[in-house]
Full PDB file with SEQRES, HELIX, SHEET, SSBOND, CRYST1, ORIGX, SCALE, CONECT and MASTER records, all heavy atoms in Angstrom:
SEQRES   1 A   34  GLY PHE ALA PRO HIS THR PRO LEU GLU GLU GLY VAL GLN          
SEQRES   2 A   34  ARG PHE ALA ALA TRP TYR GLN ALA TRP GLN ILE ARG ARG          
SEQRES   3 A   34  THR ARG PRO GLU PRO PRO SER GLY                              
HELIX    1 AA1 LEU A    8  THR A   27  1                                  20    
CRYST1    1.000    1.000    1.000  90.00  90.00  90.00 P 1           1          
ORIGX1      1.000000  0.000000  0.000000        0.00000                         
ORIGX2      0.000000  1.000000  0.000000        0.00000                         
ORIGX3      0.000000  0.000000  1.000000        0.00000                         
SCALE1      1.000000  0.000000  0.000000        0.00000                         
SCALE2      0.000000  1.000000  0.000000        0.00000                         
SCALE3      0.000000  0.000000  1.000000        0.00000                         
ATOM      1  N   GLY A   1       6.582  44.793-141.039  1.00  0.00           N  
ATOM      2  CA  GLY A   1       7.334  46.016-141.287  1.00  0.00           C  
ATOM      3  C   GLY A   1       6.998  46.668-142.604  1.00  0.00           C  
ATOM      4  O   GLY A   1       7.823  47.372-143.194  1.00  0.00           O  
ATOM      5  N   PHE A   2       5.759  46.457-143.088  1.00  0.00           N  
ATOM      6  CA  PHE A   2       5.349  46.999-144.386  1.00  0.00           C  
ATOM      7  C   PHE A   2       5.294  48.518-144.350  1.00  0.00           C  
ATOM      8  O   PHE A   2       4.694  49.106-143.454  1.00  0.00           O  
ATOM      9  CB  PHE A   2       3.972  46.450-144.766  1.00  0.00           C  
ATOM     10  CG  PHE A   2       3.389  47.065-146.017  1.00  0.00           C  
ATOM     11  CD1 PHE A   2       3.857  46.704-147.269  1.00  0.00           C  
ATOM     12  CD2 PHE A   2       2.374  48.012-145.939  1.00  0.00           C  
ATOM     13  CE1 PHE A   2       3.323  47.262-148.426  1.00  0.00           C  
ATOM     14  CE2 PHE A   2       1.834  48.575-147.078  1.00  0.00           C  
ATOM     15  CZ  PHE A   2       2.306  48.201-148.329  1.00  0.00           C  
ATOM     16  N   ALA A   3       5.935  49.159-145.333  1.00  0.00           N  
ATOM     17  CA  ALA A   3       5.907  50.614-145.435  1.00  0.00           C  
ATOM     18  C   ALA A   3       6.064  51.013-146.896  1.00  0.00           C  
ATOM     19  O   ALA A   3       7.178  51.020-147.427  1.00  0.00           O  
ATOM     20  CB  ALA A   3       7.019  51.239-144.595  1.00  0.00           C  
ATOM     21  N   PRO A   4       4.958  51.312-147.595  1.00  0.00           N  
ATOM     22  CA  PRO A   4       5.069  51.746-148.995  1.00  0.00           C  
ATOM     23  C   PRO A   4       5.895  53.019-149.086  1.00  0.00           C  
ATOM     24  O   PRO A   4       5.837  53.877-148.203  1.00  0.00           O  
ATOM     25  CB  PRO A   4       3.618  51.980-149.416  1.00  0.00           C  
ATOM     26  CG  PRO A   4       2.871  52.193-148.143  1.00  0.00           C  
ATOM     27  CD  PRO A   4       3.569  51.372-147.106  1.00  0.00           C  
ATOM     28  N   HIS A   5       6.688  53.141-150.151  1.00  0.00           N  
ATOM     29  CA  HIS A   5       7.607  54.275-150.222  1.00  0.00           C  
ATOM     30  C   HIS A   5       7.624  54.968-151.584  1.00  0.00           C  
ATOM     31  O   HIS A   5       8.421  55.876-151.787  1.00  0.00           O  
ATOM     32  CB  HIS A   5       9.029  53.807-149.888  1.00  0.00           C  
ATOM     33  CG  HIS A   5       9.585  52.811-150.872  1.00  0.00           C  
ATOM     34  ND1 HIS A   5       9.392  51.453-150.739  1.00  0.00           N  
ATOM     35  CD2 HIS A   5      10.298  52.975-152.012  1.00  0.00           C  
ATOM     36  CE1 HIS A   5       9.975  50.835-151.749  1.00  0.00           C  
ATOM     37  NE2 HIS A   5      10.531  51.733-152.542  1.00  0.00           N  
ATOM     38  N   THR A   6       6.757  54.561-152.515  1.00  0.00           N  
ATOM     39  CA  THR A   6       6.793  55.152-153.850  1.00  0.00           C  
ATOM     40  C   THR A   6       5.844  56.349-153.929  1.00  0.00           C  
ATOM     41  O   THR A   6       4.622  56.181-153.851  1.00  0.00           O  
ATOM     42  CB  THR A   6       6.388  54.119-154.919  1.00  0.00           C  
ATOM     43  OG1 THR A   6       7.191  52.948-154.775  1.00  0.00           O  
ATOM     44  CG2 THR A   6       6.569  54.699-156.315  1.00  0.00           C  
ATOM     45  N   PRO A   7       6.360  57.579-154.094  1.00  0.00           N  
ATOM     46  CA  PRO A   7       5.489  58.748-154.211  1.00  0.00           C  
ATOM     47  C   PRO A   7       4.634  58.663-155.471  1.00  0.00           C  
ATOM     48  O   PRO A   7       5.026  58.026-156.468  1.00  0.00           O  
ATOM     49  CB  PRO A   7       6.473  59.928-154.304  1.00  0.00           C  
ATOM     50  CG  PRO A   7       7.784  59.391-153.826  1.00  0.00           C  
ATOM     51  CD  PRO A   7       7.785  57.937-154.159  1.00  0.00           C  
ATOM     52  N   LEU A   8       3.481  59.301-155.450  1.00  0.00           N  
ATOM     53  CA  LEU A   8       2.561  59.246-156.583  1.00  0.00           C  
ATOM     54  C   LEU A   8       3.223  59.742-157.869  1.00  0.00           C  
ATOM     55  O   LEU A   8       3.088  59.098-158.922  1.00  0.00           O  
ATOM     56  CB  LEU A   8       1.307  60.077-156.288  1.00  0.00           C  
ATOM     57  CG  LEU A   8       0.240  60.045-157.387  1.00  0.00           C  
ATOM     58  CD1 LEU A   8      -0.390  58.668-157.476  1.00  0.00           C  
ATOM     59  CD2 LEU A   8      -0.826  61.120-157.133  1.00  0.00           C  
ATOM     60  N   GLU A   9       3.927  60.854-157.808  1.00  0.00           N  
ATOM     61  CA  GLU A   9       4.562  61.400-159.011  1.00  0.00           C  
ATOM     62  C   GLU A   9       5.508  60.380-159.645  1.00  0.00           C  
ATOM     63  O   GLU A   9       5.507  60.179-160.862  1.00  0.00           O  
ATOM     64  CB  GLU A   9       5.333  62.683-158.668  1.00  0.00           C  
ATOM     65  CG  GLU A   9       4.474  63.876-158.283  1.00  0.00           C  
ATOM     66  CD  GLU A   9       4.024  64.667-159.508  1.00  0.00           C  
ATOM     67  OE1 GLU A   9       4.446  64.321-160.627  1.00  0.00           O  
ATOM     68  OE2 GLU A   9       3.251  65.627-159.319  1.00  0.00           O  
ATOM     69  N   GLU A  10       6.310  59.726-158.818  1.00  0.00           N  
ATOM     70  CA  GLU A  10       7.274  58.745-159.322  1.00  0.00           C  
ATOM     71  C   GLU A  10       6.555  57.536-159.902  1.00  0.00           C  
ATOM     72  O   GLU A  10       6.904  57.036-160.975  1.00  0.00           O  
ATOM     73  CB  GLU A  10       8.207  58.313-158.196  1.00  0.00           C  
ATOM     74  CG  GLU A  10       9.266  57.309-158.625  1.00  0.00           C  
ATOM     75  CD  GLU A  10      10.182  56.927-157.479  1.00  0.00           C  
ATOM     76  OE1 GLU A  10      10.279  57.696-156.496  1.00  0.00           O  
ATOM     77  OE2 GLU A  10      10.802  55.846-157.565  1.00  0.00           O  
ATOM     78  N   GLY A  11       5.534  57.056-159.197  1.00  0.00           N  
ATOM     79  CA  GLY A  11       4.798  55.906-159.680  1.00  0.00           C  
ATOM     80  C   GLY A  11       4.092  56.169-160.997  1.00  0.00           C  
ATOM     81  O   GLY A  11       4.105  55.336-161.911  1.00  0.00           O  
ATOM     82  N   VAL A  12       3.495  57.362-161.116  1.00  0.00           N  
ATOM     83  CA  VAL A  12       2.799  57.714-162.352  1.00  0.00           C  
ATOM     84  C   VAL A  12       3.790  57.862-163.498  1.00  0.00           C  
ATOM     85  O   VAL A  12       3.505  57.457-164.637  1.00  0.00           O  
ATOM     86  CB  VAL A  12       1.972  59.003-162.151  1.00  0.00           C  
ATOM     87  CG1 VAL A  12       1.446  59.527-163.482  1.00  0.00           C  
ATOM     88  CG2 VAL A  12       0.800  58.739-161.211  1.00  0.00           C  
ATOM     89  N   GLN A  13       4.966  58.412-163.238  1.00  0.00           N  
ATOM     90  CA  GLN A  13       5.973  58.533-164.286  1.00  0.00           C  
ATOM     91  C   GLN A  13       6.400  57.167-164.807  1.00  0.00           C  
ATOM     92  O   GLN A  13       6.518  56.951-166.018  1.00  0.00           O  
ATOM     93  CB  GLN A  13       7.185  59.299-163.752  1.00  0.00           C  
ATOM     94  CG  GLN A  13       6.939  60.791-163.562  1.00  0.00           C  
ATOM     95  CD  GLN A  13       8.100  61.485-162.886  1.00  0.00           C  
ATOM     96  OE1 GLN A  13       9.133  60.873-162.614  1.00  0.00           O  
ATOM     97  NE2 GLN A  13       7.933  62.768-162.580  1.00  0.00           N  
ATOM     98  N   ARG A  14       6.607  56.211-163.899  1.00  0.00           N  
ATOM     99  CA  ARG A  14       7.001  54.862-164.322  1.00  0.00           C  
ATOM    100  C   ARG A  14       5.875  54.205-165.113  1.00  0.00           C  
ATOM    101  O   ARG A  14       6.123  53.537-166.123  1.00  0.00           O  
ATOM    102  CB  ARG A  14       7.348  54.012-163.098  1.00  0.00           C  
ATOM    103  CG  ARG A  14       8.584  54.450-162.342  1.00  0.00           C  
ATOM    104  CD  ARG A  14       8.804  53.530-161.158  1.00  0.00           C  
ATOM    105  NE  ARG A  14       9.870  53.996-160.279  1.00  0.00           N  
ATOM    106  CZ  ARG A  14      10.161  53.422-159.115  1.00  0.00           C  
ATOM    107  NH1 ARG A  14       9.482  52.360-158.709  1.00  0.00           N  
ATOM    108  NH2 ARG A  14      11.138  53.902-158.356  1.00  0.00           N  
ATOM    109  N   PHE A  15       4.655  54.380-164.635  1.00  0.00           N  
ATOM    110  CA  PHE A  15       3.514  53.804-165.346  1.00  0.00           C  
ATOM    111  C   PHE A  15       3.396  54.398-166.744  1.00  0.00           C  
ATOM    112  O   PHE A  15       3.219  53.677-167.734  1.00  0.00           O  
ATOM    113  CB  PHE A  15       2.220  54.049-164.568  1.00  0.00           C  
ATOM    114  CG  PHE A  15       0.999  53.936-165.434  1.00  0.00           C  
ATOM    115  CD1 PHE A  15       0.544  52.695-165.870  1.00  0.00           C  
ATOM    116  CD2 PHE A  15       0.311  55.080-165.838  1.00  0.00           C  
ATOM    117  CE1 PHE A  15      -0.567  52.597-166.700  1.00  0.00           C  
ATOM    118  CE2 PHE A  15      -0.802  54.984-166.656  1.00  0.00           C  
ATOM    119  CZ  PHE A  15      -1.241  53.735-167.095  1.00  0.00           C  
ATOM    120  N   ALA A  16       3.478  55.730-166.846  1.00  0.00           N  
ATOM    121  CA  ALA A  16       3.307  56.402-168.135  1.00  0.00           C  
ATOM    122  C   ALA A  16       4.402  55.996-169.121  1.00  0.00           C  
ATOM    123  O   ALA A  16       4.135  55.798-170.315  1.00  0.00           O  
ATOM    124  CB  ALA A  16       3.290  57.910-167.941  1.00  0.00           C  
ATOM    125  N   ALA A  17       5.636  55.858-168.627  1.00  0.00           N  
ATOM    126  CA  ALA A  17       6.733  55.443-169.509  1.00  0.00           C  
ATOM    127  C   ALA A  17       6.473  54.049-170.063  1.00  0.00           C  
ATOM    128  O   ALA A  17       6.679  53.794-171.263  1.00  0.00           O  
ATOM    129  CB  ALA A  17       8.057  55.482-168.745  1.00  0.00           C  
ATOM    130  N   TRP A  18       6.024  53.135-169.195  1.00  0.00           N  
ATOM    131  CA  TRP A  18       5.699  51.795-169.675  1.00  0.00           C  
ATOM    132  C   TRP A  18       4.548  51.836-170.669  1.00  0.00           C  
ATOM    133  O   TRP A  18       4.611  51.204-171.726  1.00  0.00           O  
ATOM    134  CB  TRP A  18       5.306  50.862-168.519  1.00  0.00           C  
ATOM    135  CG  TRP A  18       4.637  49.628-169.061  1.00  0.00           C  
ATOM    136  CD1 TRP A  18       5.262  48.542-169.601  1.00  0.00           C  
ATOM    137  CD2 TRP A  18       3.223  49.403-169.207  1.00  0.00           C  
ATOM    138  NE1 TRP A  18       4.316  47.632-170.054  1.00  0.00           N  
ATOM    139  CE2 TRP A  18       3.069  48.140-169.827  1.00  0.00           C  
ATOM    140  CE3 TRP A  18       2.092  50.134-168.847  1.00  0.00           C  
ATOM    141  CZ2 TRP A  18       1.807  47.598-170.103  1.00  0.00           C  
ATOM    142  CZ3 TRP A  18       0.841  49.602-169.129  1.00  0.00           C  
ATOM    143  CH2 TRP A  18       0.705  48.354-169.750  1.00  0.00           C  
ATOM    144  N   TYR A  19       3.497  52.593-170.361  1.00  0.00           N  
ATOM    145  CA  TYR A  19       2.310  52.583-171.213  1.00  0.00           C  
ATOM    146  C   TYR A  19       2.643  53.089-172.618  1.00  0.00           C  
ATOM    147  O   TYR A  19       2.209  52.499-173.617  1.00  0.00           O  
ATOM    148  CB  TYR A  19       1.196  53.433-170.612  1.00  0.00           C  
ATOM    149  CG  TYR A  19      -0.045  53.416-171.471  1.00  0.00           C  
ATOM    150  CD1 TYR A  19      -0.891  52.303-171.476  1.00  0.00           C  
ATOM    151  CD2 TYR A  19      -0.342  54.475-172.319  1.00  0.00           C  
ATOM    152  CE1 TYR A  19      -1.998  52.256-172.295  1.00  0.00           C  
ATOM    153  CE2 TYR A  19      -1.451  54.436-173.142  1.00  0.00           C  
ATOM    154  CZ  TYR A  19      -2.279  53.328-173.123  1.00  0.00           C  
ATOM    155  OH  TYR A  19      -3.368  53.282-173.952  1.00  0.00           O  
ATOM    156  N   GLN A  20       3.415  54.161-172.706  1.00  0.00           N  
ATOM    157  CA  GLN A  20       3.755  54.687-174.020  1.00  0.00           C  
ATOM    158  C   GLN A  20       4.624  53.699-174.803  1.00  0.00           C  
ATOM    159  O   GLN A  20       4.436  53.523-176.012  1.00  0.00           O  
ATOM    160  CB  GLN A  20       4.450  56.040-173.861  1.00  0.00           C  
ATOM    161  CG  GLN A  20       3.488  57.137-173.380  1.00  0.00           C  
ATOM    162  CD  GLN A  20       4.191  58.431-173.036  1.00  0.00           C  
ATOM    163  OE1 GLN A  20       5.039  58.479-172.145  1.00  0.00           O  
ATOM    164  NE2 GLN A  20       3.857  59.493-173.752  1.00  0.00           N  
ATOM    165  N   ALA A  21       5.555  53.026-174.111  1.00  0.00           N  
ATOM    166  CA  ALA A  21       6.374  52.016-174.783  1.00  0.00           C  
ATOM    167  C   ALA A  21       5.515  50.822-175.218  1.00  0.00           C  
ATOM    168  O   ALA A  21       5.725  50.266-176.304  1.00  0.00           O  
ATOM    169  CB  ALA A  21       7.488  51.552-173.845  1.00  0.00           C  
ATOM    170  N   TRP A  22       4.545  50.459-174.394  1.00  0.00           N  
ATOM    171  CA  TRP A  22       3.666  49.338-174.735  1.00  0.00           C  
ATOM    172  C   TRP A  22       2.804  49.667-175.939  1.00  0.00           C  
ATOM    173  O   TRP A  22       2.597  48.823-176.808  1.00  0.00           O  
ATOM    174  CB  TRP A  22       2.798  48.982-173.533  1.00  0.00           C  
ATOM    175  CG  TRP A  22       1.647  48.061-173.846  1.00  0.00           C  
ATOM    176  CD1 TRP A  22       0.313  48.345-173.825  1.00  0.00           C  
ATOM    177  CD2 TRP A  22       1.732  46.683-174.231  1.00  0.00           C  
ATOM    178  NE1 TRP A  22      -0.435  47.249-174.166  1.00  0.00           N  
ATOM    179  CE2 TRP A  22       0.403  46.211-174.429  1.00  0.00           C  
ATOM    180  CE3 TRP A  22       2.787  45.806-174.442  1.00  0.00           C  
ATOM    181  CZ2 TRP A  22       0.127  44.904-174.812  1.00  0.00           C  
ATOM    182  CZ3 TRP A  22       2.512  44.491-174.820  1.00  0.00           C  
ATOM    183  CH2 TRP A  22       1.203  44.057-175.006  1.00  0.00           C  
ATOM    184  N   GLN A  23       2.327  50.898-176.030  1.00  0.00           N  
ATOM    185  CA  GLN A  23       1.520  51.299-177.178  1.00  0.00           C  
ATOM    186  C   GLN A  23       2.322  51.211-178.474  1.00  0.00           C  
ATOM    187  O   GLN A  23       1.812  50.776-179.509  1.00  0.00           O  
ATOM    188  CB  GLN A  23       0.986  52.724-176.980  1.00  0.00           C  
ATOM    189  CG  GLN A  23      -0.107  52.829-175.932  1.00  0.00           C  
ATOM    190  CD  GLN A  23      -1.336  52.016-176.314  1.00  0.00           C  
ATOM    191  OE1 GLN A  23      -1.539  50.911-175.830  1.00  0.00           O  
ATOM    192  NE2 GLN A  23      -2.156  52.545-177.194  1.00  0.00           N  
ATOM    193  N   ILE A  24       3.579  51.626-178.411  1.00  0.00           N  
ATOM    194  CA  ILE A  24       4.444  51.524-179.589  1.00  0.00           C  
ATOM    195  C   ILE A  24       4.674  50.063-179.946  1.00  0.00           C  
ATOM    196  O   ILE A  24       4.593  49.660-181.111  1.00  0.00           O  
ATOM    197  CB  ILE A  24       5.796  52.234-179.325  1.00  0.00           C  
ATOM    198  CG1 ILE A  24       5.564  53.746-179.162  1.00  0.00           C  
ATOM    199  CG2 ILE A  24       6.786  51.946-180.445  1.00  0.00           C  
ATOM    200  CD1 ILE A  24       6.787  54.498-178.694  1.00  0.00           C  
ATOM    201  N   ARG A  25       4.927  49.259-178.947  1.00  0.00           N  
ATOM    202  CA  ARG A  25       5.209  47.828-179.164  1.00  0.00           C  
ATOM    203  C   ARG A  25       4.015  47.108-179.776  1.00  0.00           C  
ATOM    204  O   ARG A  25       4.173  46.318-180.711  1.00  0.00           O  
ATOM    205  CB  ARG A  25       5.588  47.191-177.828  1.00  0.00           C  
ATOM    206  CG  ARG A  25       5.746  45.680-177.848  1.00  0.00           C  
ATOM    207  CD  ARG A  25       6.185  45.192-176.488  1.00  0.00           C  
ATOM    208  NE  ARG A  25       6.117  43.750-176.360  1.00  0.00           N  
ATOM    209  CZ  ARG A  25       6.437  43.090-175.264  1.00  0.00           C  
ATOM    210  NH1 ARG A  25       6.874  43.757-174.208  1.00  0.00           N  
ATOM    211  NH2 ARG A  25       6.342  41.767-175.212  1.00  0.00           N  
ATOM    212  N   ARG A  26       2.816  47.378-179.264  1.00  0.00           N  
ATOM    213  CA  ARG A  26       1.640  46.629-179.724  1.00  0.00           C  
ATOM    214  C   ARG A  26       1.152  47.078-181.095  1.00  0.00           C  
ATOM    215  O   ARG A  26       0.409  46.359-181.743  1.00  0.00           O  
ATOM    216  CB  ARG A  26       0.509  46.733-178.703  1.00  0.00           C  
ATOM    217  CG  ARG A  26      -0.095  48.105-178.556  1.00  0.00           C  
ATOM    218  CD  ARG A  26      -1.060  48.160-177.388  1.00  0.00           C  
ATOM    219  NE  ARG A  26      -2.211  47.317-177.627  1.00  0.00           N  
ATOM    220  CZ  ARG A  26      -3.350  47.734-178.178  1.00  0.00           C  
ATOM    221  NH1 ARG A  26      -3.454  48.998-178.554  1.00  0.00           N  
ATOM    222  NH2 ARG A  26      -4.352  46.931-178.329  1.00  0.00           N  
ATOM    223  N   THR A  27       1.547  48.290-181.532  1.00  0.00           N  
ATOM    224  CA  THR A  27       1.120  48.771-182.858  1.00  0.00           C  
ATOM    225  C   THR A  27       2.206  48.618-183.907  1.00  0.00           C  
ATOM    226  O   THR A  27       1.978  48.914-185.068  1.00  0.00           O  
ATOM    227  CB  THR A  27       0.723  50.257-182.776  1.00  0.00           C  
ATOM    228  OG1 THR A  27       1.816  51.030-182.264  1.00  0.00           O  
ATOM    229  CG2 THR A  27      -0.486  50.435-181.875  1.00  0.00           C  
ATOM    230  N   ARG A  28       3.391  48.138-183.495  1.00  0.00           N  
ATOM    231  CA  ARG A  28       4.489  47.962-184.440  1.00  0.00           C  
ATOM    232  C   ARG A  28       4.157  46.805-185.369  1.00  0.00           C  
ATOM    233  O   ARG A  28       3.768  45.736-184.906  1.00  0.00           O  
ATOM    234  CB  ARG A  28       5.793  47.674-183.697  1.00  0.00           C  
ATOM    235  CG  ARG A  28       7.020  47.531-184.591  1.00  0.00           C  
ATOM    236  CD  ARG A  28       8.247  47.215-183.752  1.00  0.00           C  
ATOM    237  NE  ARG A  28       8.533  48.313-182.852  1.00  0.00           N  
ATOM    238  CZ  ARG A  28       8.900  48.155-181.569  1.00  0.00           C  
ATOM    239  NH1 ARG A  28       8.977  46.946-181.059  1.00  0.00           N  
ATOM    240  NH2 ARG A  28       9.174  49.199-180.826  1.00  0.00           N  
ATOM    241  N   PRO A  29       4.273  46.981-186.667  1.00  0.00           N  
ATOM    242  CA  PRO A  29       3.951  45.892-187.589  1.00  0.00           C  
ATOM    243  C   PRO A  29       4.892  44.713-187.438  1.00  0.00           C  
ATOM    244  O   PRO A  29       6.061  44.879-187.078  1.00  0.00           O  
ATOM    245  CB  PRO A  29       4.087  46.545-188.980  1.00  0.00           C  
ATOM    246  CG  PRO A  29       4.963  47.725-188.760  1.00  0.00           C  
ATOM    247  CD  PRO A  29       4.681  48.222-187.373  1.00  0.00           C  
ATOM    248  N   GLU A  30       4.368  43.528-187.661  1.00  0.00           N  
ATOM    249  CA  GLU A  30       5.179  42.322-187.598  1.00  0.00           C  
ATOM    250  C   GLU A  30       6.213  42.344-188.724  1.00  0.00           C  
ATOM    251  O   GLU A  30       5.936  42.767-189.844  1.00  0.00           O  
ATOM    252  CB  GLU A  30       4.296  41.088-187.737  1.00  0.00           C  
ATOM    253  CG  GLU A  30       3.365  40.855-186.555  1.00  0.00           C  
ATOM    254  CD  GLU A  30       4.111  40.447-185.309  1.00  0.00           C  
ATOM    255  OE1 GLU A  30       5.187  39.837-185.433  1.00  0.00           O  
ATOM    256  OE2 GLU A  30       3.620  40.785-184.215  1.00  0.00           O  
ATOM    257  N   PRO A  31       7.441  41.858-188.448  1.00  0.00           N  
ATOM    258  CA  PRO A  31       8.459  41.814-189.509  1.00  0.00           C  
ATOM    259  C   PRO A  31       8.047  40.811-190.588  1.00  0.00           C  
ATOM    260  O   PRO A  31       7.331  39.857-190.309  1.00  0.00           O  
ATOM    261  CB  PRO A  31       9.720  41.358-188.764  1.00  0.00           C  
ATOM    262  CG  PRO A  31       9.215  40.652-187.537  1.00  0.00           C  
ATOM    263  CD  PRO A  31       7.938  41.358-187.166  1.00  0.00           C  
ATOM    264  N   PRO A  32       8.474  41.043-191.823  1.00  0.00           N  
ATOM    265  CA  PRO A  32       8.144  40.096-192.905  1.00  0.00           C  
ATOM    266  C   PRO A  32       8.633  38.686-192.577  1.00  0.00           C  
ATOM    267  O   PRO A  32       9.636  38.514-191.893  1.00  0.00           O  
ATOM    268  CB  PRO A  32       8.868  40.670-194.123  1.00  0.00           C  
ATOM    269  CG  PRO A  32       9.132  42.106-193.774  1.00  0.00           C  
ATOM    270  CD  PRO A  32       9.295  42.161-192.287  1.00  0.00           C  
ATOM    271  N   SER A  33       7.915  37.708-193.047  1.00  0.00           N  
ATOM    272  CA  SER A  33       8.283  36.319-192.815  1.00  0.00           C  
ATOM    273  C   SER A  33       9.666  36.031-193.367  1.00  0.00           C  
ATOM    274  O   SER A  33      10.004  36.438-194.480  1.00  0.00           O  
ATOM    275  CB  SER A  33       7.264  35.394-193.487  1.00  0.00           C  
ATOM    276  OG  SER A  33       7.637  34.050-193.311  1.00  0.00           O  
ATOM    277  N   GLY A  34      10.487  35.393-192.524  1.00  0.00           N  
ATOM    278  CA  GLY A  34      11.829  35.028-192.962  1.00  0.00           C  
ATOM    279  C   GLY A  34      12.862  36.087-192.684  1.00  0.00           C  
ATOM    280  O   GLY A  34      14.047  35.860-192.916  1.00  0.00           O  
TER     281      GLY A  34                                                      
MASTER        0    0    0    1    0    0    0    6  280    1    0    3          
END                                                                             
């Protein structure tokens, strides 16, 4: 009964939101020790 249901616009929006958050996360400086 497989039936994909995610429209391209919706899928791309979810992907883009994650990617931008991931870019911020990976470039955020590490907190000082302690």
